[in-house]
Amino acid sequence: MGQTLGGITSDVYKAIVSVVDDRMSEIKVTRQDFDIAEDIELVASYQR
């Protein structure tokens, strides 16, 4: 059995990190996404 880290074994920790890494690699944010957000804020400010 592996060493424990905060109450979980190193094997469980590595499995958790692997799952999180896989999920994070699926997230892609582009500059276009930020440009759209800025446009939405601009339109919202005109509606005030």
N, C-alpha and C. Protein backbone atom coordinates (compact mmCIF):
# COMPACT_ATOMS: atom_id res chain seq x y z
N MET A 1 0.85 -1.18 0.00
CA MET A 1 0.00 0.00 0.00
C MET A 1 0.89 1.24 0.00
N GLY A 2 0.46 2.31 -0.69
CA GLY A 2 1.26 3.52 -0.82
C GLY A 2 1.21 4.39 0.42
N GLN A 3 2.00 5.40 0.39
CA GLN A 3 2.07 6.38 1.47
C GLN A 3 0.77 7.18 1.52
N THR A 4 0.35 7.60 2.72
CA THR A 4 -0.88 8.38 2.84
C THR A 4 -0.56 9.87 2.79
N LEU A 5 -1.47 10.59 2.20
CA LEU A 5 -1.34 12.05 2.08
C LEU A 5 -2.68 12.65 2.46
N GLY A 6 -2.75 13.24 3.62
CA GLY A 6 -4.00 13.84 4.08
C GLY A 6 -5.13 12.83 4.23
N GLY A 7 -4.79 11.60 4.55
CA GLY A 7 -5.82 10.59 4.77
C GLY A 7 -6.13 9.74 3.55
N ILE A 8 -5.51 10.02 2.40
CA ILE A 8 -5.71 9.18 1.22
C ILE A 8 -4.36 8.64 0.76
N THR A 9 -4.40 7.50 0.11
CA THR A 9 -3.14 6.91 -0.34
C THR A 9 -2.63 7.64 -1.57
N SER A 10 -1.36 7.46 -1.84
CA SER A 10 -0.76 8.12 -3.00
C SER A 10 -1.39 7.62 -4.30
N ASP A 11 -1.82 6.35 -4.32
CA ASP A 11 -2.48 5.81 -5.52
C ASP A 11 -3.82 6.49 -5.78
N VAL A 12 -4.59 6.72 -4.73
CA VAL A 12 -5.87 7.42 -4.88
C VAL A 12 -5.63 8.86 -5.30
N TYR A 13 -4.63 9.50 -4.71
CA TYR A 13 -4.29 10.88 -5.07
C TYR A 13 -3.92 10.97 -6.54
N LYS A 14 -3.10 10.04 -7.02
CA LYS A 14 -2.70 10.04 -8.43
C LYS A 14 -3.90 9.83 -9.34
N ALA A 15 -4.83 8.99 -8.93
CA ALA A 15 -6.04 8.75 -9.73
C ALA A 15 -6.89 10.01 -9.81
N ILE A 16 -7.03 10.71 -8.69
CA ILE A 16 -7.80 11.96 -8.67
C ILE A 16 -7.14 13.00 -9.56
N VAL A 17 -5.85 13.16 -9.45
CA VAL A 17 -5.12 14.12 -10.28
C VAL A 17 -5.28 13.79 -11.75
N SER A 18 -5.24 12.52 -12.09
CA SER A 18 -5.39 12.09 -13.48
C SER A 18 -6.77 12.46 -14.02
N VAL A 19 -7.81 12.23 -13.23
CA VAL A 19 -9.17 12.57 -13.67
C VAL A 19 -9.31 14.07 -13.85
N VAL A 20 -8.81 14.84 -12.90
CA VAL A 20 -8.90 16.30 -12.99
C VAL A 20 -8.12 16.80 -14.20
N ASP A 21 -6.94 16.28 -14.44
CA ASP A 21 -6.16 16.68 -15.60
C ASP A 21 -6.90 16.39 -16.89
N ASP A 22 -7.53 15.22 -16.98
CA ASP A 22 -8.30 14.88 -18.18
C ASP A 22 -9.45 15.85 -18.40
N ARG A 23 -10.15 16.17 -17.34
CA ARG A 23 -11.29 17.09 -17.45
C ARG A 23 -10.82 18.50 -17.81
N MET A 24 -9.72 18.94 -17.23
CA MET A 24 -9.22 20.28 -17.50
C MET A 24 -8.73 20.42 -18.94
N SER A 25 -8.23 19.33 -19.51
CA SER A 25 -7.75 19.40 -20.89
C SER A 25 -8.90 19.59 -21.87
N GLU A 26 -10.12 19.26 -21.46
CA GLU A 26 -11.29 19.43 -22.30
C GLU A 26 -11.78 20.87 -22.33
N ILE A 27 -11.34 21.68 -21.37
CA ILE A 27 -11.78 23.07 -21.27
C ILE A 27 -10.88 23.93 -22.14
N LYS A 28 -11.47 24.60 -23.08
CA LYS A 28 -10.71 25.47 -23.96
C LYS A 28 -11.37 26.84 -23.97
N VAL A 29 -10.64 27.86 -23.58
CA VAL A 29 -11.12 29.22 -23.60
C VAL A 29 -10.28 29.98 -24.62
N THR A 30 -10.96 30.63 -25.53
CA THR A 30 -10.25 31.36 -26.58
C THR A 30 -10.40 32.86 -26.37
N ARG A 31 -9.61 33.60 -27.09
CA ARG A 31 -9.71 35.07 -27.05
C ARG A 31 -11.09 35.50 -27.53
N GLN A 32 -11.64 34.75 -28.49
CA GLN A 32 -12.97 35.08 -29.01
C GLN A 32 -14.01 35.01 -27.90
N ASP A 33 -13.87 34.07 -26.99
CA ASP A 33 -14.80 33.96 -25.87
C ASP A 33 -14.76 35.23 -25.02
N PHE A 34 -13.58 35.79 -24.80
CA PHE A 34 -13.47 37.02 -24.02
C PHE A 34 -14.03 38.20 -24.79
N ASP A 35 -13.82 38.23 -26.10
CA ASP A 35 -14.36 39.32 -26.91
C ASP A 35 -15.88 39.33 -26.87
N ILE A 36 -16.49 38.15 -26.93
CA ILE A 36 -17.95 38.06 -26.85
C ILE A 36 -18.43 38.55 -25.50
N ALA A 37 -17.75 38.20 -24.43
CA ALA A 37 -18.13 38.65 -23.09
C ALA A 37 -18.06 40.17 -22.99
N GLU A 38 -17.04 40.78 -23.59
CA GLU A 38 -16.92 42.23 -23.58
C GLU A 38 -18.07 42.87 -24.35
N ASP A 39 -18.46 42.27 -25.48
CA ASP A 39 -19.59 42.79 -26.26
C ASP A 39 -20.88 42.72 -25.47
N ILE A 40 -21.08 41.63 -24.74
CA ILE A 40 -22.29 41.48 -23.93
C ILE A 40 -22.33 42.54 -22.84
N GLU A 41 -21.19 42.80 -22.20
CA GLU A 41 -21.14 43.85 -21.17
C GLU A 41 -21.44 45.22 -21.77
N LEU A 42 -20.95 45.47 -22.96
CA LEU A 42 -21.19 46.76 -23.63
C LEU A 42 -22.68 46.93 -23.92
N VAL A 43 -23.31 45.91 -24.46
CA VAL A 43 -24.75 45.99 -24.76
C VAL A 43 -25.53 46.18 -23.47
N ALA A 44 -25.15 45.47 -22.42
CA ALA A 44 -25.85 45.61 -21.13
C ALA A 44 -25.72 47.01 -20.59
N SER A 45 -24.57 47.64 -20.78
CA SER A 45 -24.40 49.01 -20.27
C SER A 45 -25.27 49.99 -21.03
N TYR A 46 -25.53 49.72 -22.31
CA TYR A 46 -26.43 50.59 -23.09
C TYR A 46 -27.88 50.46 -22.64
N GLN A 47 -28.22 49.33 -22.06
CA GLN A 47 -29.60 49.10 -21.65
C GLN A 47 -29.90 49.70 -20.28
N ARG A 48 -28.91 50.23 -19.61
CA ARG A 48 -29.14 50.81 -18.28
C ARG A 48 -29.70 52.19 -18.37
